[in-house]
Amino acid sequence: RAEADLLAAVALGPVDVLVAPHHGSGTSSTPQFVATCRPSWVVYAAGHRNRWNFPNARVVGRYDAIGARGLRTSASGAITFRLRPGRSLEPPREWRRERPRPWRDP
């Protein structure tokens, strides 16, 4: 319902980065919302092996279908994008990829 309200009240358009609504649950990221926002990157803020299995596979598929590159906080840890006016979006920094823990990460 919140996504429908946003679509009705605000002139949304393509975005560079989107944090998936409600952790990428099956009740979020409606096809219309995804098609309107068309993010270049989508971040799924969800814990490792969470009991709700976020993000939902159908939701991930919706973003994949429009070419969005997805990142999960469960795999990447902190994700940082550097946004600079008038410049192209740089690839994100991923805490766990930059600081691997050899005793835990393969």
PDB file of N, CA and C in Angstrom:
ATOM      1  N   ARG A   1       0.825  -1.189   0.000  1.00  0.00           N
ATOM      2  CA  ARG A   1       0.000   0.000   0.000  1.00  0.00           C
ATOM      3  C   ARG A   1       0.874   1.259   0.000  1.00  0.00           C
ATOM      4  N   ALA A   2       1.974   1.245   0.749  1.00  0.00           N
ATOM      5  CA  ALA A   2       2.851   2.416   0.805  1.00  0.00           C
ATOM      6  C   ALA A   2       3.452   2.705  -0.570  1.00  0.00           C
ATOM      7  N   GLU A   3       3.810   1.664  -1.293  1.00  0.00           N
ATOM      8  CA  GLU A   3       4.366   1.874  -2.633  1.00  0.00           C
ATOM      9  C   GLU A   3       3.323   2.496  -3.558  1.00  0.00           C
ATOM     10  N   ALA A   4       2.088   2.031  -3.485  1.00  0.00           N
ATOM     11  CA  ALA A   4       1.012   2.595  -4.306  1.00  0.00           C
ATOM     12  C   ALA A   4       0.783   4.057  -3.945  1.00  0.00           C
ATOM     13  N   ASP A   5       0.856   4.368  -2.648  1.00  0.00           N
ATOM     14  CA  ASP A   5       0.692   5.761  -2.217  1.00  0.00           C
ATOM     15  C   ASP A   5       1.822   6.629  -2.767  1.00  0.00           C
ATOM     16  N   LEU A   6       3.043   6.123  -2.732  1.00  0.00           N
ATOM     17  CA  LEU A   6       4.174   6.878  -3.288  1.00  0.00           C
ATOM     18  C   LEU A   6       3.994   7.116  -4.782  1.00  0.00           C
ATOM     19  N   LEU A   7       3.610   6.080  -5.495  1.00  0.00           N
ATOM     20  CA  LEU A   7       3.425   6.208  -6.940  1.00  0.00           C
ATOM     21  C   LEU A   7       2.336   7.222  -7.281  1.00  0.00           C
ATOM     22  N   ALA A   8       1.307   7.289  -6.441  1.00  0.00           N
ATOM     23  CA  ALA A   8       0.202   8.222  -6.686  1.00  0.00           C
ATOM     24  C   ALA A   8       0.544   9.657  -6.286  1.00  0.00           C
ATOM     25  N   ALA A   9       1.364   9.826  -5.252  1.00  0.00           N
ATOM     26  CA  ALA A   9       1.598  11.152  -4.689  1.00  0.00           C
ATOM     27  C   ALA A   9       2.861  11.838  -5.191  1.00  0.00           C
ATOM     28  N   VAL A  10       3.833  11.072  -5.632  1.00  0.00           N
ATOM     29  CA  VAL A  10       5.139  11.633  -5.979  1.00  0.00           C
ATOM     30  C   VAL A  10       5.497  11.229  -7.404  1.00  0.00           C
ATOM     31  N   ALA A  11       6.112  12.151  -8.113  1.00  0.00           N
ATOM     32  CA  ALA A  11       6.576  11.842  -9.468  1.00  0.00           C
ATOM     33  C   ALA A  11       7.891  11.075  -9.366  1.00  0.00           C
ATOM     34  N   LEU A  12       7.785   9.767  -9.288  1.00  0.00           N
ATOM     35  CA  LEU A  12       8.982   8.925  -9.188  1.00  0.00           C
ATOM     36  C   LEU A  12       9.528   8.652 -10.582  1.00  0.00           C
ATOM     37  N   GLY A  13      10.817   8.461 -10.628  1.00  0.00           N
ATOM     38  CA  GLY A  13      11.462   8.112 -11.881  1.00  0.00           C
ATOM     39  C   GLY A  13      12.648   7.224 -11.601  1.00  0.00           C
ATOM     40  N   PRO A  14      13.435   6.956 -12.612  1.00  0.00           N
ATOM     41  CA  PRO A  14      14.601   6.091 -12.418  1.00  0.00           C
ATOM     42  C   PRO A  14      15.543   6.641 -11.347  1.00  0.00           C
ATOM     43  N   VAL A  15      16.112   5.728 -10.565  1.00  0.00           N
ATOM     44  CA  VAL A  15      17.034   6.091  -9.495  1.00  0.00           C
ATOM     45  C   VAL A  15      18.330   5.299  -9.651  1.00  0.00           C
ATOM     46  N   ASP A  16      19.391   5.820  -9.061  1.00  0.00           N
ATOM     47  CA  ASP A  16      20.666   5.111  -9.102  1.00  0.00           C
ATOM     48  C   ASP A  16      20.690   3.961  -8.098  1.00  0.00           C
ATOM     49  N   VAL A  17      20.286   4.244  -6.860  1.00  0.00           N
ATOM     50  CA  VAL A  17      20.357   3.252  -5.782  1.00  0.00           C
ATOM     51  C   VAL A  17      19.021   3.212  -5.060  1.00  0.00           C
ATOM     52  N   LEU A  18      18.553   2.004  -4.779  1.00  0.00           N
ATOM     53  CA  LEU A  18      17.307   1.827  -4.042  1.00  0.00           C
ATOM     54  C   LEU A  18      17.530   0.772  -2.969  1.00  0.00           C
ATOM     55  N   VAL A  19      17.143   1.071  -1.737  1.00  0.00           N
ATOM     56  CA  VAL A  19      17.108   0.054  -0.695  1.00  0.00           C
ATOM     57  C   VAL A  19      15.756  -0.629  -0.851  1.00  0.00           C
ATOM     58  N   ALA A  20      15.776  -1.916  -1.118  1.00  0.00           N
ATOM     59  CA  ALA A  20      14.536  -2.651  -1.381  1.00  0.00           C
ATOM     60  C   ALA A  20      13.569  -2.466  -0.214  1.00  0.00           C
ATOM     61  N   PRO A  21      12.337  -2.088  -0.522  1.00  0.00           N
ATOM     62  CA  PRO A  21      11.350  -1.937   0.542  1.00  0.00           C
ATOM     63  C   PRO A  21      11.175  -3.226   1.338  1.00  0.00           C
ATOM     64  N   HIS A  22      10.992  -3.085   2.618  1.00  0.00           N
ATOM     65  CA  HIS A  22      10.729  -4.176   3.556  1.00  0.00           C
ATOM     66  C   HIS A  22      11.657  -5.371   3.351  1.00  0.00           C
ATOM     67  N   HIS A  23      12.944  -5.086   3.201  1.00  0.00           N
ATOM     68  CA  HIS A  23      13.990  -6.111   3.115  1.00  0.00           C
ATOM     69  C   HIS A  23      13.865  -7.014   1.890  1.00  0.00           C
ATOM     70  N   GLY A  24      13.002  -6.635   0.934  1.00  0.00           N
ATOM     71  CA  GLY A  24      12.782  -7.481  -0.237  1.00  0.00           C
ATOM     72  C   GLY A  24      11.748  -8.566   0.010  1.00  0.00           C
ATOM     73  N   SER A  25      10.807  -8.285   0.915  1.00  0.00           N
ATOM     74  CA  SER A  25       9.775  -9.282   1.226  1.00  0.00           C
ATOM     75  C   SER A  25       8.859  -9.497   0.019  1.00  0.00           C
ATOM     76  N   GLY A  26       8.142 -10.612   0.052  1.00  0.00           N
ATOM     77  CA  GLY A  26       7.224 -10.946  -1.037  1.00  0.00           C
ATOM     78  C   GLY A  26       6.055 -10.000  -1.182  1.00  0.00           C
ATOM     79  N   THR A  27       5.798  -9.181  -0.174  1.00  0.00           N
ATOM     80  CA  THR A  27       4.685  -8.222  -0.250  1.00  0.00           C
ATOM     81  C   THR A  27       5.165  -6.837  -0.660  1.00  0.00           C
ATOM     82  N   SER A  28       6.440  -6.718  -1.017  1.00  0.00           N
ATOM     83  CA  SER A  28       6.984  -5.413  -1.393  1.00  0.00           C
ATOM     84  C   SER A  28       7.481  -5.445  -2.828  1.00  0.00           C
ATOM     85  N   SER A  29       7.953  -4.295  -3.288  1.00  0.00           N
ATOM     86  CA  SER A  29       8.540  -4.180  -4.622  1.00  0.00           C
ATOM     87  C   SER A  29       7.592  -4.701  -5.695  1.00  0.00           C
ATOM     88  N   THR A  30       6.422  -4.082  -5.740  1.00  0.00           N
ATOM     89  CA  THR A  30       5.440  -4.481  -6.748  1.00  0.00           C
ATOM     90  C   THR A  30       6.014  -4.253  -8.145  1.00  0.00           C
ATOM     91  N   PRO A  31       5.524  -4.977  -9.137  1.00  0.00           N
ATOM     92  CA  PRO A  31       6.031  -4.784 -10.499  1.00  0.00           C
ATOM     93  C   PRO A  31       5.962  -3.325 -10.953  1.00  0.00           C
ATOM     94  N   GLN A  32       4.894  -2.618 -10.613  1.00  0.00           N
ATOM     95  CA  GLN A  32       4.763  -1.215 -11.011  1.00  0.00           C
ATOM     96  C   GLN A  32       5.816  -0.347 -10.326  1.00  0.00           C
ATOM     97  N   PHE A  33       6.068  -0.577  -9.054  1.00  0.00           N
ATOM     98  CA  PHE A  33       7.073   0.192  -8.317  1.00  0.00           C
ATOM     99  C   PHE A  33       8.458  -0.033  -8.907  1.00  0.00           C
ATOM    100  N   VAL A  34       8.804  -1.290  -9.149  1.00  0.00           N
ATOM    101  CA  VAL A  34      10.113  -1.621  -9.718  1.00  0.00           C
ATOM    102  C   VAL A  34      10.272  -0.998 -11.099  1.00  0.00           C
ATOM    103  N   ALA A  35       9.236  -1.109 -11.939  1.00  0.00           N
ATOM    104  CA  ALA A  35       9.296  -0.557 -13.296  1.00  0.00           C
ATOM    105  C   ALA A  35       9.412   0.957 -13.292  1.00  0.00           C
ATOM    106  N   THR A  36       8.824   1.610 -12.307  1.00  0.00           N
ATOM    107  CA  THR A  36       8.885   3.071 -12.222  1.00  0.00           C
ATOM    108  C   THR A  36      10.237   3.539 -11.701  1.00  0.00           C
ATOM    109  N   CYS A  37      10.744   2.894 -10.681  1.00  0.00           N
ATOM    110  CA  CYS A  37      12.017   3.316 -10.074  1.00  0.00           C
ATOM    111  C   CYS A  37      13.229   2.897 -10.902  1.00  0.00           C
ATOM    112  N   ARG A  38      13.177   1.746 -11.536  1.00  0.00           N
ATOM    113  CA  ARG A  38      14.257   1.228 -12.378  1.00  0.00           C
ATOM    114  C   ARG A  38      15.652   1.513 -11.810  1.00  0.00           C
ATOM    115  N   PRO A  39      15.945   1.013 -10.609  1.00  0.00           N
ATOM    116  CA  PRO A  39      17.249   1.313 -10.015  1.00  0.00           C
ATOM    117  C   PRO A  39      18.397   0.646 -10.761  1.00  0.00           C
ATOM    118  N   SER A  40      19.545   1.310 -10.749  1.00  0.00           N
ATOM    119  CA  SER A  40      20.762   0.692 -11.271  1.00  0.00           C
ATOM    120  C   SER A  40      21.278  -0.334 -10.267  1.00  0.00           C
ATOM    121  N   TRP A  41      21.145  -0.001  -8.987  1.00  0.00           N
ATOM    122  CA  TRP A  41      21.566  -0.870  -7.879  1.00  0.00           C
ATOM    123  C   TRP A  41      20.413  -1.021  -6.915  1.00  0.00           C
ATOM    124  N   VAL A  42      20.240  -2.213  -6.371  1.00  0.00           N
ATOM    125  CA  VAL A  42      19.250  -2.449  -5.320  1.00  0.00           C
ATOM    126  C   VAL A  42      19.965  -3.128  -4.159  1.00  0.00           C
ATOM    127  N   VAL A  43      19.732  -2.609  -2.959  1.00  0.00           N
ATOM    128  CA  VAL A  43      20.344  -3.147  -1.750  1.00  0.00           C
ATOM    129  C   VAL A  43      19.261  -3.843  -0.934  1.00  0.00           C
ATOM    130  N   TYR A  44      19.514  -5.104  -0.612  1.00  0.00           N
ATOM    131  CA  TYR A  44      18.605  -5.874   0.225  1.00  0.00           C
ATOM    132  C   TYR A  44      19.184  -5.896   1.636  1.00  0.00           C
ATOM    133  N   ALA A  45      18.565  -5.164   2.539  1.00  0.00           N
ATOM    134  CA  ALA A  45      19.027  -5.100   3.923  1.00  0.00           C
ATOM    135  C   ALA A  45      18.370  -6.240   4.691  1.00  0.00           C
ATOM    136  N   ALA A  46      19.073  -7.369   4.734  1.00  0.00           N
ATOM    137  CA  ALA A  46      18.526  -8.548   5.392  1.00  0.00           C
ATOM    138  C   ALA A  46      19.661  -9.346   6.014  1.00  0.00           C
ATOM    139  N   GLY A  47      19.380  -9.915   7.160  1.00  0.00           N
ATOM    140  CA  GLY A  47      20.389 -10.686   7.869  1.00  0.00           C
ATOM    141  C   GLY A  47      20.637 -12.059   7.264  1.00  0.00           C
ATOM    142  N   HIS A  48      21.793 -12.589   7.556  1.00  0.00           N
ATOM    143  CA  HIS A  48      22.185 -13.914   7.086  1.00  0.00           C
ATOM    144  C   HIS A  48      21.238 -14.978   7.646  1.00  0.00           C
ATOM    145  N   ARG A  49      20.745 -15.841   6.779  1.00  0.00           N
ATOM    146  CA  ARG A  49      19.852 -16.935   7.160  1.00  0.00           C
ATOM    147  C   ARG A  49      18.672 -16.454   8.002  1.00  0.00           C
ATOM    148  N   ASN A  50      18.088 -15.300   7.633  1.00  0.00           N
ATOM    149  CA  ASN A  50      16.968 -14.774   8.402  1.00  0.00           C
ATOM    150  C   ASN A  50      15.757 -15.708   8.268  1.00  0.00           C
ATOM    151  N   ARG A  51      14.938 -15.744   9.276  1.00  0.00           N
ATOM    152  CA  ARG A  51      13.834 -16.703   9.317  1.00  0.00           C
ATOM    153  C   ARG A  51      12.732 -16.424   8.302  1.00  0.00           C
ATOM    154  N   TRP A  52      12.738 -15.237   7.694  1.00  0.00           N
ATOM    155  CA  TRP A  52      11.721 -14.905   6.701  1.00  0.00           C
ATOM    156  C   TRP A  52      12.218 -15.148   5.276  1.00  0.00           C
ATOM    157  N   ASN A  53      13.449 -15.589   5.157  1.00  0.00           N
ATOM    158  CA  ASN A  53      14.064 -15.839   3.842  1.00  0.00           C
ATOM    159  C   ASN A  53      14.057 -14.611   2.946  1.00  0.00           C
ATOM    160  N   PHE A  54      14.318 -13.438   3.539  1.00  0.00           N
ATOM    161  CA  PHE A  54      14.459 -12.211   2.746  1.00  0.00           C
ATOM    162  C   PHE A  54      15.836 -12.204   2.105  1.00  0.00           C
ATOM    163  N   PRO A  55      15.949 -11.695   0.920  1.00  0.00           N
ATOM    164  CA  PRO A  55      14.894 -11.207   0.042  1.00  0.00           C
ATOM    165  C   PRO A  55      14.175 -12.357  -0.664  1.00  0.00           C
ATOM    166  N   ASN A  56      12.936 -12.118  -0.996  1.00  0.00           N
ATOM    167  CA  ASN A  56      12.096 -13.087  -1.679  1.00  0.00           C
ATOM    168  C   ASN A  56      12.607 -13.292  -3.104  1.00  0.00           C
ATOM    169  N   ALA A  57      12.653 -14.526  -3.556  1.00  0.00           N
ATOM    170  CA  ALA A  57      13.186 -14.843  -4.886  1.00  0.00           C
ATOM    171  C   ALA A  57      12.417 -14.141  -6.013  1.00  0.00           C
ATOM    172  N   ARG A  58      11.095 -14.021  -5.885  1.00  0.00           N
ATOM    173  CA  ARG A  58      10.310 -13.332  -6.927  1.00  0.00           C
ATOM    174  C   ARG A  58      10.670 -11.853  -6.991  1.00  0.00           C
ATOM    175  N   VAL A  59      10.892 -11.254  -5.836  1.00  0.00           N
ATOM    176  CA  VAL A  59      11.266  -9.837  -5.787  1.00  0.00           C
ATOM    177  C   VAL A  59      12.641  -9.646  -6.410  1.00  0.00           C
ATOM    178  N   VAL A  60      13.594 -10.490  -6.055  1.00  0.00           N
ATOM    179  CA  VAL A  60      14.925 -10.411  -6.653  1.00  0.00           C
ATOM    180  C   VAL A  60      14.812 -10.552  -8.166  1.00  0.00           C
ATOM    181  N   GLY A  61      13.957 -11.463  -8.619  1.00  0.00           N
ATOM    182  CA  GLY A  61      13.737 -11.653 -10.054  1.00  0.00           C
ATOM    183  C   GLY A  61      13.205 -10.415 -10.748  1.00  0.00           C
ATOM    184  N   ARG A  62      12.342  -9.661 -10.079  1.00  0.00           N
ATOM    185  CA  ARG A  62      11.817  -8.425 -10.670  1.00  0.00           C
ATOM    186  C   ARG A  62      12.930  -7.414 -10.922  1.00  0.00           C
ATOM    187  N   TYR A  63      13.793  -7.257  -9.935  1.00  0.00           N
ATOM    188  CA  TYR A  63      14.904  -6.322 -10.102  1.00  0.00           C
ATOM    189  C   TYR A  63      15.912  -6.845 -11.124  1.00  0.00           C
ATOM    190  N   ASP A  64      16.179  -8.138 -11.094  1.00  0.00           N
ATOM    191  CA  ASP A  64      17.094  -8.728 -12.084  1.00  0.00           C
ATOM    192  C   ASP A  64      16.573  -8.503 -13.497  1.00  0.00           C
ATOM    193  N   ALA A  65      15.265  -8.622 -13.677  1.00  0.00           N
ATOM    194  CA  ALA A  65      14.662  -8.494 -15.005  1.00  0.00           C
ATOM    195  C   ALA A  65      14.849  -7.104 -15.614  1.00  0.00           C
ATOM    196  N   ILE A  66      15.008  -6.088 -14.786  1.00  0.00           N
ATOM    197  CA  ILE A  66      15.223  -4.733 -15.329  1.00  0.00           C
ATOM    198  C   ILE A  66      16.709  -4.379 -15.368  1.00  0.00           C
ATOM    199  N   GLY A  67      17.557  -5.324 -15.005  1.00  0.00           N
ATOM    200  CA  GLY A  67      19.003  -5.101 -15.072  1.00  0.00           C
ATOM    201  C   GLY A  67      19.630  -4.468 -13.851  1.00  0.00           C
ATOM    202  N   ALA A  68      18.889  -4.404 -12.747  1.00  0.00           N
ATOM    203  CA  ALA A  68      19.456  -3.839 -11.514  1.00  0.00           C
ATOM    204  C   ALA A  68      20.491  -4.802 -10.945  1.00  0.00           C
ATOM    205  N   ARG A  69      21.572  -4.243 -10.457  1.00  0.00           N
ATOM    206  CA  ARG A  69      22.588  -5.048  -9.778  1.00  0.00           C
ATOM    207  C   ARG A  69      22.245  -5.078  -8.299  1.00  0.00           C
ATOM    208  N   GLY A  70      22.167  -6.271  -7.737  1.00  0.00           N
ATOM    209  CA  GLY A  70      21.742  -6.430  -6.352  1.00  0.00           C
ATOM    210  C   GLY A  70      22.878  -6.736  -5.405  1.00  0.00           C
ATOM    211  N   LEU A  71      22.760  -6.200  -4.212  1.00  0.00           N
ATOM    212  CA  LEU A  71      23.698  -6.463  -3.127  1.00  0.00           C
ATOM    213  C   LEU A  71      22.899  -6.809  -1.881  1.00  0.00           C
ATOM    214  N   ARG A  72      23.437  -7.732  -1.093  1.00  0.00           N
ATOM    215  CA  ARG A  72      22.791  -8.123   0.160  1.00  0.00           C
ATOM    216  C   ARG A  72      23.703  -7.769   1.326  1.00  0.00           C
ATOM    217  N   THR A  73      23.143  -7.125   2.317  1.00  0.00           N
ATOM    218  CA  THR A  73      23.957  -6.776   3.480  1.00  0.00           C
ATOM    219  C   THR A  73      24.448  -8.029   4.194  1.00  0.00           C
ATOM    220  N   SER A  74      23.730  -9.127   4.063  1.00  0.00           N
ATOM    221  CA  SER A  74      24.158 -10.365   4.712  1.00  0.00           C
ATOM    222  C   SER A  74      25.480 -10.867   4.137  1.00  0.00           C
ATOM    223  N   ALA A  75      25.753 -10.573   2.878  1.00  0.00           N
ATOM    224  CA  ALA A  75      27.005 -10.992   2.245  1.00  0.00           C
ATOM    225  C   ALA A  75      28.045  -9.880   2.216  1.00  0.00           C
ATOM    226  N   SER A  76      27.597  -8.650   2.043  1.00  0.00           N
ATOM    227  CA  SER A  76      28.519  -7.524   1.861  1.00  0.00           C
ATOM    228  C   SER A  76      28.844  -6.773   3.131  1.00  0.00           C
ATOM    229  N   GLY A  77      28.050  -6.939   4.165  1.00  0.00           N
ATOM    230  CA  GLY A  77      28.211  -6.102   5.351  1.00  0.00           C
ATOM    231  C   GLY A  77      27.766  -4.693   5.001  1.00  0.00           C
ATOM    232  N   ALA A  78      28.464  -3.707   5.515  1.00  0.00           N
ATOM    233  CA  ALA A  78      28.123  -2.315   5.208  1.00  0.00           C
ATOM    234  C   ALA A  78      28.392  -2.044   3.730  1.00  0.00           C
ATOM    235  N   ILE A  79      27.454  -1.387   3.090  1.00  0.00           N
ATOM    236  CA  ILE A  79      27.562  -1.048   1.669  1.00  0.00           C
ATOM    237  C   ILE A  79      27.545   0.470   1.564  1.00  0.00           C
ATOM    238  N   THR A  80      28.547   1.019   0.904  1.00  0.00           N
ATOM    239  CA  THR A  80      28.667   2.469   0.802  1.00  0.00           C
ATOM    240  C   THR A  80      28.723   2.897  -0.655  1.00  0.00           C
ATOM    241  N   PHE A  81      27.846   3.816  -1.032  1.00  0.00           N
ATOM    242  CA  PHE A  81      27.876   4.423  -2.351  1.00  0.00           C
ATOM    243  C   PHE A  81      28.358   5.859  -2.199  1.00  0.00           C
ATOM    244  N   ARG A  82      29.198   6.296  -3.093  1.00  0.00           N
ATOM    245  CA  ARG A  82      29.657   7.681  -3.086  1.00  0.00           C
ATOM    246  C   ARG A  82      28.867   8.424  -4.156  1.00  0.00           C
ATOM    247  N   LEU A  83      28.020   9.328  -3.709  1.00  0.00           N
ATOM    248  CA  LEU A  83      27.170  10.101  -4.609  1.00  0.00           C
ATOM    249  C   LEU A  83      27.749  11.496  -4.763  1.00  0.00           C
ATOM    250  N   ARG A  84      28.082  11.854  -6.004  1.00  0.00           N
ATOM    251  CA  ARG A  84      28.653  13.167  -6.258  1.00  0.00           C
ATOM    252  C   ARG A  84      27.887  13.827  -7.393  1.00  0.00           C
ATOM    253  N   PRO A  85      27.341  15.007  -7.150  1.00  0.00           N
ATOM    254  CA  PRO A  85      26.555  15.695  -8.187  1.00  0.00           C
ATOM    255  C   PRO A  85      27.349  15.865  -9.482  1.00  0.00           C
ATOM    256  N   GLY A  86      26.688  15.569 -10.579  1.00  0.00           N
ATOM    257  CA  GLY A  86      27.299  15.774 -11.893  1.00  0.00           C
ATOM    258  C   GLY A  86      28.294  14.701 -12.294  1.00  0.00           C
ATOM    259  N   ARG A  87      28.464  13.678 -11.479  1.00  0.00           N
ATOM    260  CA  ARG A  87      29.411  12.606 -11.800  1.00  0.00           C
ATOM    261  C   ARG A  87      28.699  11.260 -11.825  1.00  0.00           C
ATOM    262  N   SER A  88      29.263  10.349 -12.562  1.00  0.00           N
ATOM    263  CA  SER A  88      28.701   9.004 -12.646  1.00  0.00           C
ATOM    264  C   SER A  88      28.812   8.303 -11.294  1.00  0.00           C
ATOM    265  N   LEU A  89      27.888   7.414 -11.067  1.00  0.00           N
ATOM    266  CA  LEU A  89      27.898   6.639  -9.834  1.00  0.00           C
ATOM    267  C   LEU A  89      29.048   5.639  -9.880  1.00  0.00           C
ATOM    268  N   GLU A  90      29.863   5.667  -8.851  1.00  0.00           N
ATOM    269  CA  GLU A  90      30.977   4.727  -8.748  1.00  0.00           C
ATOM    270  C   GLU A  90      30.467   3.410  -8.175  1.00  0.00           C
ATOM    271  N   PRO A  91      31.180   2.308  -8.445  1.00  0.00           N
ATOM    272  CA  PRO A  91      30.780   1.049  -7.813  1.00  0.00           C
ATOM    273  C   PRO A  91      30.823   1.184  -6.287  1.00  0.00           C
ATOM    274  N   PRO A  92      29.972   0.460  -5.603  1.00  0.00           N
ATOM    275  CA  PRO A  92      29.922   0.573  -4.144  1.00  0.00           C
ATOM    276  C   PRO A  92      31.114  -0.069  -3.471  1.00  0.00           C
ATOM    277  N   ARG A  93      31.328   0.346  -2.232  1.00  0.00           N
ATOM    278  CA  ARG A  93      32.321  -0.295  -1.373  1.00  0.00           C
ATOM    279  C   ARG A  93      31.566  -1.287  -0.497  1.00  0.00           C
ATOM    280  N   GLU A  94      32.134  -2.472  -0.351  1.00  0.00           N
ATOM    281  CA  GLU A  94      31.515  -3.521   0.447  1.00  0.00           C
ATOM    282  C   GLU A  94      32.480  -3.915   1.566  1.00  0.00           C
ATOM    283  N   TRP A  95      32.063  -3.669   2.784  1.00  0.00           N
ATOM    284  CA  TRP A  95      32.906  -3.872   3.960  1.00  0.00           C
ATOM    285  C   TRP A  95      33.529  -5.266   3.985  1.00  0.00           C
ATOM    286  N   ARG A  96      32.734  -6.293   3.852  1.00  0.00           N
ATOM    287  CA  ARG A  96      33.271  -7.656   3.990  1.00  0.00           C
ATOM    288  C   ARG A  96      34.189  -8.049   2.838  1.00  0.00           C
ATOM    289  N   ARG A  97      33.972  -7.512   1.655  1.00  0.00           N
ATOM    290  CA  ARG A  97      34.841  -7.830   0.521  1.00  0.00           C
ATOM    291  C   ARG A  97      36.188  -7.111   0.655  1.00  0.00           C
ATOM    292  N   GLU A  98      36.164  -5.934   1.248  1.00  0.00           N
ATOM    293  CA  GLU A  98      37.406  -5.171   1.441  1.00  0.00           C
ATOM    294  C   GLU A  98      38.181  -5.631   2.672  1.00  0.00           C
ATOM    295  N   ARG A  99      37.499  -6.229   3.618  1.00  0.00           N
ATOM    296  CA  ARG A  99      38.126  -6.661   4.869  1.00  0.00           C
ATOM    297  C   ARG A  99      37.770  -8.121   5.161  1.00  0.00           C
ATOM    298  N   PRO A 100      38.215  -9.034   4.293  1.00  0.00           N
ATOM    299  CA  PRO A 100      37.856 -10.442   4.515  1.00  0.00           C
ATOM    300  C   PRO A 100      38.456 -10.987   5.807  1.00  0.00           C
ATOM    301  N   ARG A 101      37.755 -11.914   6.374  1.00  0.00           N
ATOM    302  CA  ARG A 101      38.215 -12.581   7.592  1.00  0.00           C
ATOM    303  C   ARG A 101      38.570 -14.004   7.195  1.00  0.00           C
ATOM    304  N   PRO A 102      39.857 -14.287   7.023  1.00  0.00           N
ATOM    305  CA  PRO A 102      40.253 -15.595   6.500  1.00  0.00           C
ATOM    306  C   PRO A 102      39.769 -16.777   7.349  1.00  0.00           C
ATOM    307  N   TRP A 103      39.526 -16.559   8.611  1.00  0.00           N
ATOM    308  CA  TRP A 103      39.063 -17.637   9.464  1.00  0.00           C
ATOM    309  C   TRP A 103      37.567 -17.908   9.289  1.00  0.00           C
ATOM    310  N   ARG A 104      36.837 -16.986   8.600  1.00  0.00           N
ATOM    311  CA  ARG A 104      35.398 -17.198   8.397  1.00  0.00           C
ATOM    312  C   ARG A 104      34.974 -17.130   6.953  1.00  0.00           C
ATOM    313  N   ASP A 105      35.549 -16.222   6.179  1.00  0.00           N
ATOM    314  CA  ASP A 105      35.105 -16.027   4.792  1.00  0.00           C
ATOM    315  C   ASP A 105      35.967 -16.852   3.847  1.00  0.00           C
ATOM    316  N   PRO A 106      35.333 -17.532   2.903  1.00  0.00           N
ATOM    317  CA  PRO A 106      36.108 -18.342   1.944  1.00  0.00           C
ATOM    318  C   PRO A 106      36.932 -17.476   1.005  1.00  0.00           C
TER     319      PRO A 106
END
